[in-house]
């Protein structure tokens, strides 16, 4: 079973790699440079999120818990949530349920 730290490091490294692979056409000088960059970045992010459902489950689970528990210290709550040793198993179970539903 992957540790939460390993999962988050893997997610961060994949996001970084995706950002490095932005199409070279994005960097052509033009009046729409920033718009092209934003569009390319959004497309790359969307593709990444569609292929990595675990990110969706991590984020939605985190927000669900925040709204249910309404902690006073969100940073402390986030640290506890993402370092919970049961979190990888919860995500794995959600991924299995998601595949069965599909």
PDB file of N, CA and C in Angstrom:
ATOM      1  N   UNK A   1       0.858  -1.177   0.000  1.00  0.00           N
ATOM      2  CA  UNK A   1       0.000   0.000   0.000  1.00  0.00           C
ATOM      3  C   UNK A   1       0.902   1.237   0.000  1.00  0.00           C
ATOM      4  N   UNK A   2       0.592   2.177  -0.823  1.00  0.00           N
ATOM      5  CA  UNK A   2       1.375   3.406  -0.921  1.00  0.00           C
ATOM      6  C   UNK A   2       1.107   4.299   0.280  1.00  0.00           C
ATOM      7  N   UNK A   3       2.145   4.959   0.740  1.00  0.00           N
ATOM      8  CA  UNK A   3       1.950   5.914   1.825  1.00  0.00           C
ATOM      9  C   UNK A   3       1.350   7.193   1.263  1.00  0.00           C
ATOM     10  N   UNK A   4       0.701   7.952   2.135  1.00  0.00           N
ATOM     11  CA  UNK A   4       0.086   9.215   1.709  1.00  0.00           C
ATOM     12  C   UNK A   4       1.159  10.145   1.166  1.00  0.00           C
ATOM     13  N   UNK A   5       2.299  10.195   1.839  1.00  0.00           N
ATOM     14  CA  UNK A   5       3.388  11.072   1.381  1.00  0.00           C
ATOM     15  C   UNK A   5       3.837  10.664  -0.012  1.00  0.00           C
ATOM     16  N   UNK A   6       3.960   9.355  -0.254  1.00  0.00           N
ATOM     17  CA  UNK A   6       4.394   8.889  -1.569  1.00  0.00           C
ATOM     18  C   UNK A   6       3.359   9.241  -2.635  1.00  0.00           C
ATOM     19  N   UNK A   7       2.078   9.082  -2.300  1.00  0.00           N
ATOM     20  CA  UNK A   7       1.021   9.423  -3.248  1.00  0.00           C
ATOM     21  C   UNK A   7       1.082  10.905  -3.574  1.00  0.00           C
ATOM     22  N   UNK A   8       1.210  11.764  -2.529  1.00  0.00           N
ATOM     23  CA  UNK A   8       1.246  13.205  -2.812  1.00  0.00           C
ATOM     24  C   UNK A   8       2.504  13.602  -3.566  1.00  0.00           C
ATOM     25  N   UNK A   9       3.637  12.965  -3.261  1.00  0.00           N
ATOM     26  CA  UNK A   9       4.858  13.263  -4.013  1.00  0.00           C
ATOM     27  C   UNK A   9       4.698  12.845  -5.471  1.00  0.00           C
ATOM     28  N   UNK A  10       4.065  11.695  -5.699  1.00  0.00           N
ATOM     29  CA  UNK A  10       3.840  11.219  -7.057  1.00  0.00           C
ATOM     30  C   UNK A  10       2.931  12.174  -7.819  1.00  0.00           C
ATOM     31  N   UNK A  11       1.867  12.629  -7.184  1.00  0.00           N
ATOM     32  CA  UNK A  11       0.940  13.565  -7.820  1.00  0.00           C
ATOM     33  C   UNK A  11       1.665  14.864  -8.167  1.00  0.00           C
ATOM     34  N   UNK A  12       2.435  15.392  -7.216  1.00  0.00           N
ATOM     35  CA  UNK A  12       3.170  16.646  -7.465  1.00  0.00           C
ATOM     36  C   UNK A  12       4.169  16.483  -8.602  1.00  0.00           C
ATOM     37  N   UNK A  13       4.885  15.359  -8.624  1.00  0.00           N
ATOM     38  CA  UNK A  13       5.870  15.184  -9.689  1.00  0.00           C
ATOM     39  C   UNK A  13       5.197  15.037 -11.052  1.00  0.00           C
ATOM     40  N   UNK A  14       4.029  14.384 -11.101  1.00  0.00           N
ATOM     41  CA  UNK A  14       3.324  14.249 -12.374  1.00  0.00           C
ATOM     42  C   UNK A  14       2.788  15.604 -12.849  1.00  0.00           C
ATOM     43  N   UNK A  15       2.304  16.411 -11.925  1.00  0.00           N
ATOM     44  CA  UNK A  15       1.836  17.742 -12.302  1.00  0.00           C
ATOM     45  C   UNK A  15       3.003  18.562 -12.859  1.00  0.00           C
ATOM     46  N   UNK A  16       4.159  18.482 -12.191  1.00  0.00           N
ATOM     47  CA  UNK A  16       5.335  19.206 -12.655  1.00  0.00           C
ATOM     48  C   UNK A  16       5.751  18.732 -14.042  1.00  0.00           C
ATOM     49  N   UNK A  17       5.768  17.399 -14.253  1.00  0.00           N
ATOM     50  CA  UNK A  17       6.136  16.862 -15.559  1.00  0.00           C
ATOM     51  C   UNK A  17       5.161  17.324 -16.637  1.00  0.00           C
ATOM     52  N   UNK A  18       3.868  17.341 -16.303  1.00  0.00           N
ATOM     53  CA  UNK A  18       2.872  17.799 -17.279  1.00  0.00           C
ATOM     54  C   UNK A  18       3.114  19.254 -17.648  1.00  0.00           C
ATOM     55  N   UNK A  19       3.439  20.061 -16.654  1.00  0.00           N
ATOM     56  CA  UNK A  19       3.694  21.481 -16.916  1.00  0.00           C
ATOM     57  C   UNK A  19       4.924  21.657 -17.803  1.00  0.00           C
ATOM     58  N   UNK A  20       5.909  20.767 -17.668  1.00  0.00           N
ATOM     59  CA  UNK A  20       7.124  20.871 -18.473  1.00  0.00           C
ATOM     60  C   UNK A  20       6.878  20.480 -19.927  1.00  0.00           C
ATOM     61  N   UNK A  21       5.828  19.690 -20.186  1.00  0.00           N
ATOM     62  CA  UNK A  21       5.563  19.194 -21.529  1.00  0.00           C
ATOM     63  C   UNK A  21       4.570  20.049 -22.305  1.00  0.00           C
ATOM     64  N   UNK A  22       4.355  21.262 -21.873  1.00  0.00           N
ATOM     65  CA  UNK A  22       3.422  22.119 -22.604  1.00  0.00           C
ATOM     66  C   UNK A  22       3.936  22.305 -24.019  1.00  0.00           C
ATOM     67  N   UNK A  23       3.043  22.219 -24.967  1.00  0.00           N
ATOM     68  CA  UNK A  23       3.374  22.309 -26.385  1.00  0.00           C
ATOM     69  C   UNK A  23       4.195  23.568 -26.678  1.00  0.00           C
ATOM     70  N   UNK A  24       5.229  23.431 -27.497  1.00  0.00           N
ATOM     71  CA  UNK A  24       6.113  24.557 -27.793  1.00  0.00           C
ATOM     72  C   UNK A  24       5.386  25.702 -28.481  1.00  0.00           C
ATOM     73  N   UNK A  25       4.258  25.409 -29.141  1.00  0.00           N
ATOM     74  CA  UNK A  25       3.511  26.485 -29.805  1.00  0.00           C
ATOM     75  C   UNK A  25       3.019  27.516 -28.789  1.00  0.00           C
ATOM     76  N   UNK A  26       2.866  27.083 -27.560  1.00  0.00           N
ATOM     77  CA  UNK A  26       2.421  27.982 -26.504  1.00  0.00           C
ATOM     78  C   UNK A  26       3.395  29.143 -26.318  1.00  0.00           C
ATOM     79  N   UNK A  27       4.656  28.905 -26.569  1.00  0.00           N
ATOM     80  CA  UNK A  27       5.663  29.911 -26.282  1.00  0.00           C
ATOM     81  C   UNK A  27       6.033  30.778 -27.487  1.00  0.00           C
ATOM     82  N   UNK A  28       5.288  30.665 -28.582  1.00  0.00           N
ATOM     83  CA  UNK A  28       5.536  31.552 -29.716  1.00  0.00           C
ATOM     84  C   UNK A  28       5.091  32.964 -29.353  1.00  0.00           C
ATOM     85  N   UNK A  29       5.935  33.968 -29.631  1.00  0.00           N
ATOM     86  CA  UNK A  29       5.536  35.325 -29.287  1.00  0.00           C
ATOM     87  C   UNK A  29       4.331  35.766 -30.105  1.00  0.00           C
ATOM     88  N   UNK A  30       3.336  36.229 -29.437  1.00  0.00           N
ATOM     89  CA  UNK A  30       2.149  36.751 -30.112  1.00  0.00           C
ATOM     90  C   UNK A  30       1.358  37.561 -29.097  1.00  0.00           C
ATOM     91  N   UNK A  31       0.348  38.237 -29.583  1.00  0.00           N
ATOM     92  CA  UNK A  31      -0.449  39.054 -28.686  1.00  0.00           C
ATOM     93  C   UNK A  31      -1.272  38.186 -27.739  1.00  0.00           C
ATOM     94  N   UNK A  32      -1.535  36.941 -28.125  1.00  0.00           N
ATOM     95  CA  UNK A  32      -2.347  36.058 -27.297  1.00  0.00           C
ATOM     96  C   UNK A  32      -1.521  35.066 -26.501  1.00  0.00           C
ATOM     97  N   UNK A  33      -0.258  35.410 -26.228  1.00  0.00           N
ATOM     98  CA  UNK A  33       0.652  34.492 -25.523  1.00  0.00           C
ATOM     99  C   UNK A  33       0.044  33.961 -24.233  1.00  0.00           C
ATOM    100  N   UNK A  34      -0.417  34.853 -23.367  1.00  0.00           N
ATOM    101  CA  UNK A  34      -0.923  34.422 -22.064  1.00  0.00           C
ATOM    102  C   UNK A  34      -2.203  33.602 -22.205  1.00  0.00           C
ATOM    103  N   UNK A  35      -3.050  33.973 -23.135  1.00  0.00           N
ATOM    104  CA  UNK A  35      -4.279  33.230 -23.363  1.00  0.00           C
ATOM    105  C   UNK A  35      -3.956  31.816 -23.850  1.00  0.00           C
ATOM    106  N   UNK A  36      -3.015  31.696 -24.790  1.00  0.00           N
ATOM    107  CA  UNK A  36      -2.618  30.382 -25.293  1.00  0.00           C
ATOM    108  C   UNK A  36      -2.044  29.533 -24.165  1.00  0.00           C
ATOM    109  N   UNK A  37      -1.215  30.153 -23.342  1.00  0.00           N
ATOM    110  CA  UNK A  37      -0.601  29.419 -22.230  1.00  0.00           C
ATOM    111  C   UNK A  37      -1.671  28.929 -21.264  1.00  0.00           C
ATOM    112  N   UNK A  38      -2.634  29.795 -20.933  1.00  0.00           N
ATOM    113  CA  UNK A  38      -3.703  29.405 -20.016  1.00  0.00           C
ATOM    114  C   UNK A  38      -4.544  28.277 -20.595  1.00  0.00           C
ATOM    115  N   UNK A  39      -4.863  28.350 -21.870  1.00  0.00           N
ATOM    116  CA  UNK A  39      -5.668  27.307 -22.507  1.00  0.00           C
ATOM    117  C   UNK A  39      -4.915  25.981 -22.508  1.00  0.00           C
ATOM    118  N   UNK A  40      -3.652  26.022 -22.900  1.00  0.00           N
ATOM    119  CA  UNK A  40      -2.847  24.803 -22.917  1.00  0.00           C
ATOM    120  C   UNK A  40      -2.726  24.201 -21.516  1.00  0.00           C
ATOM    121  N   UNK A  41      -2.544  25.058 -20.522  1.00  0.00           N
ATOM    122  CA  UNK A  41      -2.423  24.581 -19.146  1.00  0.00           C
ATOM    123  C   UNK A  41      -3.728  23.946 -18.682  1.00  0.00           C
ATOM    124  N   UNK A  42      -4.844  24.572 -18.981  1.00  0.00           N
ATOM    125  CA  UNK A  42      -6.149  24.005 -18.587  1.00  0.00           C
ATOM    126  C   UNK A  42      -6.402  22.673 -19.270  1.00  0.00           C
ATOM    127  N   UNK A  43      -6.046  22.572 -20.533  1.00  0.00           N
ATOM    128  CA  UNK A  43      -6.223  21.309 -21.260  1.00  0.00           C
ATOM    129  C   UNK A  43      -5.358  20.222 -20.629  1.00  0.00           C
ATOM    130  N   UNK A  44      -4.101  20.544 -20.354  1.00  0.00           N
ATOM    131  CA  UNK A  44      -3.198  19.570 -19.737  1.00  0.00           C
ATOM    132  C   UNK A  44      -3.713  19.158 -18.355  1.00  0.00           C
ATOM    133  N   UNK A  45      -4.192  20.122 -17.577  1.00  0.00           N
ATOM    134  CA  UNK A  45      -4.732  19.810 -16.249  1.00  0.00           C
ATOM    135  C   UNK A  45      -5.963  18.921 -16.344  1.00  0.00           C
ATOM    136  N   UNK A  46      -6.842  19.231 -17.283  1.00  0.00           N
ATOM    137  CA  UNK A  46      -8.070  18.445 -17.465  1.00  0.00           C
ATOM    138  C   UNK A  46      -7.736  17.008 -17.853  1.00  0.00           C
ATOM    139  N   UNK A  47      -6.797  16.843 -18.781  1.00  0.00           N
ATOM    140  CA  UNK A  47      -6.390  15.498 -19.184  1.00  0.00           C
ATOM    141  C   UNK A  47      -5.815  14.730 -17.994  1.00  0.00           C
ATOM    142  N   UNK A  48      -4.997  15.403 -17.217  1.00  0.00           N
ATOM    143  CA  UNK A  48      -4.393  14.754 -16.055  1.00  0.00           C
ATOM    144  C   UNK A  48      -5.455  14.315 -15.059  1.00  0.00           C
ATOM    145  N   UNK A  49      -6.381  15.206 -14.741  1.00  0.00           N
ATOM    146  CA  UNK A  49      -7.419  14.882 -13.760  1.00  0.00           C
ATOM    147  C   UNK A  49      -8.355  13.780 -14.255  1.00  0.00           C
ATOM    148  N   UNK A  50      -8.608  13.734 -15.546  1.00  0.00           N
ATOM    149  CA  UNK A  50      -9.479  12.677 -16.089  1.00  0.00           C
ATOM    150  C   UNK A  50      -8.819  11.307 -16.014  1.00  0.00           C
ATOM    151  N   UNK A  51      -7.498  11.264 -16.095  1.00  0.00           N
ATOM    152  CA  UNK A  51      -6.798   9.980 -16.033  1.00  0.00           C
ATOM    153  C   UNK A  51      -6.384   9.601 -14.623  1.00  0.00           C
ATOM    154  N   UNK A  52      -6.510  10.512 -13.664  1.00  0.00           N
ATOM    155  CA  UNK A  52      -6.121  10.237 -12.280  1.00  0.00           C
ATOM    156  C   UNK A  52      -7.281  10.557 -11.342  1.00  0.00           C
ATOM    157  N   UNK A  53      -8.218   9.616 -11.278  1.00  0.00           N
ATOM    158  CA  UNK A  53      -9.412   9.817 -10.452  1.00  0.00           C
ATOM    159  C   UNK A  53      -9.069   9.935  -8.965  1.00  0.00           C
ATOM    160  N   UNK A  54      -7.911   9.407  -8.568  1.00  0.00           N
ATOM    161  CA  UNK A  54      -7.541   9.482  -7.155  1.00  0.00           C
ATOM    162  C   UNK A  54      -7.412  10.926  -6.684  1.00  0.00           C
ATOM    163  N   UNK A  55      -7.031  11.820  -7.584  1.00  0.00           N
ATOM    164  CA  UNK A  55      -6.936  13.233  -7.226  1.00  0.00           C
ATOM    165  C   UNK A  55      -8.327  13.777  -6.895  1.00  0.00           C
ATOM    166  N   UNK A  56      -9.293  13.422  -7.720  1.00  0.00           N
ATOM    167  CA  UNK A  56     -10.672  13.858  -7.474  1.00  0.00           C
ATOM    168  C   UNK A  56     -11.168  13.355  -6.121  1.00  0.00           C
ATOM    169  N   UNK A  57     -10.882  12.083  -5.816  1.00  0.00           N
ATOM    170  CA  UNK A  57     -11.342  11.524  -4.540  1.00  0.00           C
ATOM    171  C   UNK A  57     -10.615  12.151  -3.358  1.00  0.00           C
ATOM    172  N   UNK A  58      -9.331  12.452  -3.512  1.00  0.00           N
ATOM    173  CA  UNK A  58      -8.591  13.123  -2.435  1.00  0.00           C
ATOM    174  C   UNK A  58      -9.190  14.490  -2.127  1.00  0.00           C
ATOM    175  N   UNK A  59      -9.419  15.257  -3.168  1.00  0.00           N
ATOM    176  CA  UNK A  59      -9.922  16.617  -2.989  1.00  0.00           C
ATOM    177  C   UNK A  59     -11.367  16.623  -2.512  1.00  0.00           C
ATOM    178  N   UNK A  60     -12.216  15.824  -3.146  1.00  0.00           N
ATOM    179  CA  UNK A  60     -13.627  15.835  -2.740  1.00  0.00           C
ATOM    180  C   UNK A  60     -13.796  15.295  -1.322  1.00  0.00           C
ATOM    181  N   UNK A  61     -13.013  14.277  -0.966  1.00  0.00           N
ATOM    182  CA  UNK A  61     -13.083  13.745   0.398  1.00  0.00           C
ATOM    183  C   UNK A  61     -12.633  14.772   1.425  1.00  0.00           C
ATOM    184  N   UNK A  62     -11.582  15.490   1.085  1.00  0.00           N
ATOM    185  CA  UNK A  62     -11.075  16.526   1.979  1.00  0.00           C
ATOM    186  C   UNK A  62     -12.116  17.617   2.194  1.00  0.00           C
ATOM    187  N   UNK A  63     -12.700  18.115   1.111  1.00  0.00           N
ATOM    188  CA  UNK A  63     -13.721  19.160   1.243  1.00  0.00           C
ATOM    189  C   UNK A  63     -14.968  18.655   1.963  1.00  0.00           C
ATOM    190  N   UNK A  64     -15.355  17.409   1.691  1.00  0.00           N
ATOM    191  CA  UNK A  64     -16.519  16.842   2.378  1.00  0.00           C
ATOM    192  C   UNK A  64     -16.291  16.851   3.896  1.00  0.00           C
ATOM    193  N   UNK A  65     -15.105  16.411   4.310  1.00  0.00           N
ATOM    194  CA  UNK A  65     -14.788  16.378   5.745  1.00  0.00           C
ATOM    195  C   UNK A  65     -14.737  17.786   6.349  1.00  0.00           C
ATOM    196  N   UNK A  66     -14.212  18.745   5.599  1.00  0.00           N
ATOM    197  CA  UNK A  66     -14.169  20.129   6.087  1.00  0.00           C
ATOM    198  C   UNK A  66     -15.585  20.649   6.325  1.00  0.00           C
ATOM    199  N   UNK A  67     -16.469  20.416   5.353  1.00  0.00           N
ATOM    200  CA  UNK A  67     -17.831  20.929   5.479  1.00  0.00           C
ATOM    201  C   UNK A  67     -18.614  20.212   6.573  1.00  0.00           C
ATOM    202  N   UNK A  68     -18.326  18.938   6.779  1.00  0.00           N
ATOM    203  CA  UNK A  68     -19.023  18.208   7.836  1.00  0.00           C
ATOM    204  C   UNK A  68     -18.518  18.580   9.230  1.00  0.00           C
ATOM    205  N   UNK A  69     -17.207  18.689   9.375  1.00  0.00           N
ATOM    206  CA  UNK A  69     -16.603  18.907  10.704  1.00  0.00           C
ATOM    207  C   UNK A  69     -16.366  20.375  11.032  1.00  0.00           C
ATOM    208  N   UNK A  70     -16.268  21.212  10.028  1.00  0.00           N
ATOM    209  CA  UNK A  70     -16.029  22.649  10.204  1.00  0.00           C
ATOM    210  C   UNK A  70     -14.952  22.943  11.262  1.00  0.00           C
ATOM    211  N   UNK A  71     -13.724  22.504  11.001  1.00  0.00           N
ATOM    212  CA  UNK A  71     -12.658  22.698  11.997  1.00  0.00           C
ATOM    213  C   UNK A  71     -12.266  24.170  12.141  1.00  0.00           C
ATOM    214  N   UNK A  72     -11.831  24.535  13.338  1.00  0.00           N
ATOM    215  CA  UNK A  72     -11.364  25.903  13.578  1.00  0.00           C
ATOM    216  C   UNK A  72     -10.014  26.145  12.915  1.00  0.00           C
ATOM    217  N   UNK A  73      -9.158  25.146  12.967  1.00  0.00           N
ATOM    218  CA  UNK A  73      -7.823  25.273  12.390  1.00  0.00           C
ATOM    219  C   UNK A  73      -7.741  24.379  11.145  1.00  0.00           C
ATOM    220  N   UNK A  74      -7.956  24.970   9.987  1.00  0.00           N
ATOM    221  CA  UNK A  74      -7.999  24.195   8.744  1.00  0.00           C
ATOM    222  C   UNK A  74      -6.625  23.625   8.394  1.00  0.00           C
ATOM    223  N   UNK A  75      -5.555  24.360   8.649  1.00  0.00           N
ATOM    224  CA  UNK A  75      -4.215  23.849   8.333  1.00  0.00           C
ATOM    225  C   UNK A  75      -3.896  22.594   9.144  1.00  0.00           C
ATOM    226  N   UNK A  76      -4.225  22.621  10.413  1.00  0.00           N
ATOM    227  CA  UNK A  76      -3.997  21.453  11.266  1.00  0.00           C
ATOM    228  C   UNK A  76      -4.886  20.293  10.811  1.00  0.00           C
ATOM    229  N   UNK A  77      -6.125  20.613  10.483  1.00  0.00           N
ATOM    230  CA  UNK A  77      -7.048  19.591  10.001  1.00  0.00           C
ATOM    231  C   UNK A  77      -6.522  18.963   8.706  1.00  0.00           C
ATOM    232  N   UNK A  78      -6.033  19.797   7.786  1.00  0.00           N
ATOM    233  CA  UNK A  78      -5.499  19.305   6.512  1.00  0.00           C
ATOM    234  C   UNK A  78      -4.298  18.396   6.747  1.00  0.00           C
ATOM    235  N   UNK A  79      -3.416  18.813   7.649  1.00  0.00           N
ATOM    236  CA  UNK A  79      -2.241  17.986   7.954  1.00  0.00           C
ATOM    237  C   UNK A  79      -2.671  16.626   8.486  1.00  0.00           C
ATOM    238  N   UNK A  80      -3.641  16.618   9.396  1.00  0.00           N
ATOM    239  CA  UNK A  80      -4.134  15.355   9.946  1.00  0.00           C
ATOM    240  C   UNK A  80      -4.830  14.516   8.875  1.00  0.00           C
ATOM    241  N   UNK A  81      -5.624  15.166   8.035  1.00  0.00           N
ATOM    242  CA  UNK A  81      -6.375  14.449   6.999  1.00  0.00           C
ATOM    243  C   UNK A  81      -5.429  13.762   6.015  1.00  0.00           C
ATOM    244  N   UNK A  82      -4.442  14.506   5.499  1.00  0.00           N
ATOM    245  CA  UNK A  82      -3.575  13.960   4.457  1.00  0.00           C
ATOM    246  C   UNK A  82      -2.477  13.049   4.987  1.00  0.00           C
ATOM    247  N   UNK A  83      -2.265  13.018   6.301  1.00  0.00           N
ATOM    248  CA  UNK A  83      -1.282  12.088   6.869  1.00  0.00           C
ATOM    249  C   UNK A  83      -1.952  10.898   7.549  1.00  0.00           C
ATOM    250  N   UNK A  84      -3.266  10.822   7.459  1.00  0.00           N
ATOM    251  CA  UNK A  84      -3.997   9.687   8.024  1.00  0.00           C
ATOM    252  C   UNK A  84      -3.549   8.407   7.323  1.00  0.00           C
ATOM    253  N   UNK A  85      -3.048   7.426   8.065  1.00  0.00           N
ATOM    254  CA  UNK A  85      -2.563   6.200   7.429  1.00  0.00           C
ATOM    255  C   UNK A  85      -3.675   5.404   6.725  1.00  0.00           C
ATOM    256  N   UNK A  86      -4.925   5.693   7.037  1.00  0.00           N
ATOM    257  CA  UNK A  86      -6.046   4.993   6.392  1.00  0.00           C
ATOM    258  C   UNK A  86      -6.448   5.634   5.059  1.00  0.00           C
ATOM    259  N   UNK A  87      -5.942   6.810   4.768  1.00  0.00           N
ATOM    260  CA  UNK A  87      -6.346   7.545   3.567  1.00  0.00           C
ATOM    261  C   UNK A  87      -6.086   6.771   2.266  1.00  0.00           C
ATOM    262  N   UNK A  88      -4.905   6.182   2.059  1.00  0.00           N
ATOM    263  CA  UNK A  88      -4.699   5.447   0.799  1.00  0.00           C
ATOM    264  C   UNK A  88      -5.725   4.318   0.613  1.00  0.00           C
ATOM    265  N   UNK A  89      -6.065   3.640   1.696  1.00  0.00           N
ATOM    266  CA  UNK A  89      -7.054   2.570   1.606  1.00  0.00           C
ATOM    267  C   UNK A  89      -8.431   3.127   1.250  1.00  0.00           C
ATOM    268  N   UNK A  90      -8.805   4.262   1.835  1.00  0.00           N
ATOM    269  CA  UNK A  90     -10.089   4.901   1.518  1.00  0.00           C
ATOM    270  C   UNK A  90     -10.156   5.264   0.032  1.00  0.00           C
ATOM    271  N   UNK A  91      -9.076   5.826  -0.480  1.00  0.00           N
ATOM    272  CA  UNK A  91      -9.023   6.221  -1.898  1.00  0.00           C
ATOM    273  C   UNK A  91      -9.109   4.981  -2.785  1.00  0.00           C
ATOM    274  N   UNK A  92      -8.386   3.950  -2.396  1.00  0.00           N
ATOM    275  CA  UNK A  92      -8.399   2.698  -3.163  1.00  0.00           C
ATOM    276  C   UNK A  92      -9.817   2.122  -3.227  1.00  0.00           C
ATOM    277  N   UNK A  93     -10.519   2.117  -2.109  1.00  0.00           N
ATOM    278  CA  UNK A  93     -11.898   1.612  -2.064  1.00  0.00           C
ATOM    279  C   UNK A  93     -12.800   2.451  -2.969  1.00  0.00           C
ATOM    280  N   UNK A  94     -12.637   3.773  -2.935  1.00  0.00           N
ATOM    281  CA  UNK A  94     -13.443   4.653  -3.793  1.00  0.00           C
ATOM    282  C   UNK A  94     -13.179   4.377  -5.267  1.00  0.00           C
ATOM    283  N   UNK A  95     -11.916   4.142  -5.620  1.00  0.00           N
ATOM    284  CA  UNK A  95     -11.574   3.844  -7.010  1.00  0.00           C
ATOM    285  C   UNK A  95     -12.224   2.539  -7.466  1.00  0.00           C
ATOM    286  N   UNK A  96     -12.245   1.550  -6.574  1.00  0.00           N
ATOM    287  CA  UNK A  96     -12.882   0.266  -6.897  1.00  0.00           C
ATOM    288  C   UNK A  96     -14.385   0.473  -7.103  1.00  0.00           C
ATOM    289  N   UNK A  97     -15.028   1.217  -6.193  1.00  0.00           N
ATOM    290  CA  UNK A  97     -16.464   1.500  -6.325  1.00  0.00           C
ATOM    291  C   UNK A  97     -16.749   2.249  -7.622  1.00  0.00           C
ATOM    292  N   UNK A  98     -15.876   3.188  -7.955  1.00  0.00           N
ATOM    293  CA  UNK A  98     -16.043   3.989  -9.181  1.00  0.00           C
ATOM    294  C   UNK A  98     -15.963   3.098 -10.418  1.00  0.00           C
ATOM    295  N   UNK A  99     -15.023   2.140 -10.423  1.00  0.00           N
ATOM    296  CA  UNK A  99     -14.892   1.232 -11.568  1.00  0.00           C
ATOM    297  C   UNK A  99     -16.101   0.313 -11.681  1.00  0.00           C
ATOM    298  N   UNK A 100     -16.626  -0.141 -10.550  1.00  0.00           N
ATOM    299  CA  UNK A 100     -17.797  -1.016 -10.581  1.00  0.00           C
ATOM    300  C   UNK A 100     -19.023  -0.277 -11.089  1.00  0.00           C
ATOM    301  N   UNK A 101     -19.130   0.995 -10.763  1.00  0.00           N
ATOM    302  CA  UNK A 101     -20.276   1.811 -11.192  1.00  0.00           C
ATOM    303  C   UNK A 101     -20.222   2.117 -12.689  1.00  0.00           C
ATOM    304  N   UNK A 102     -19.019   2.112 -13.234  1.00  0.00           N
ATOM    305  CA  UNK A 102     -18.855   2.482 -14.660  1.00  0.00           C
ATOM    306  C   UNK A 102     -19.247   1.399 -15.603  1.00  0.00           C
TER     307      UNK A 102
END
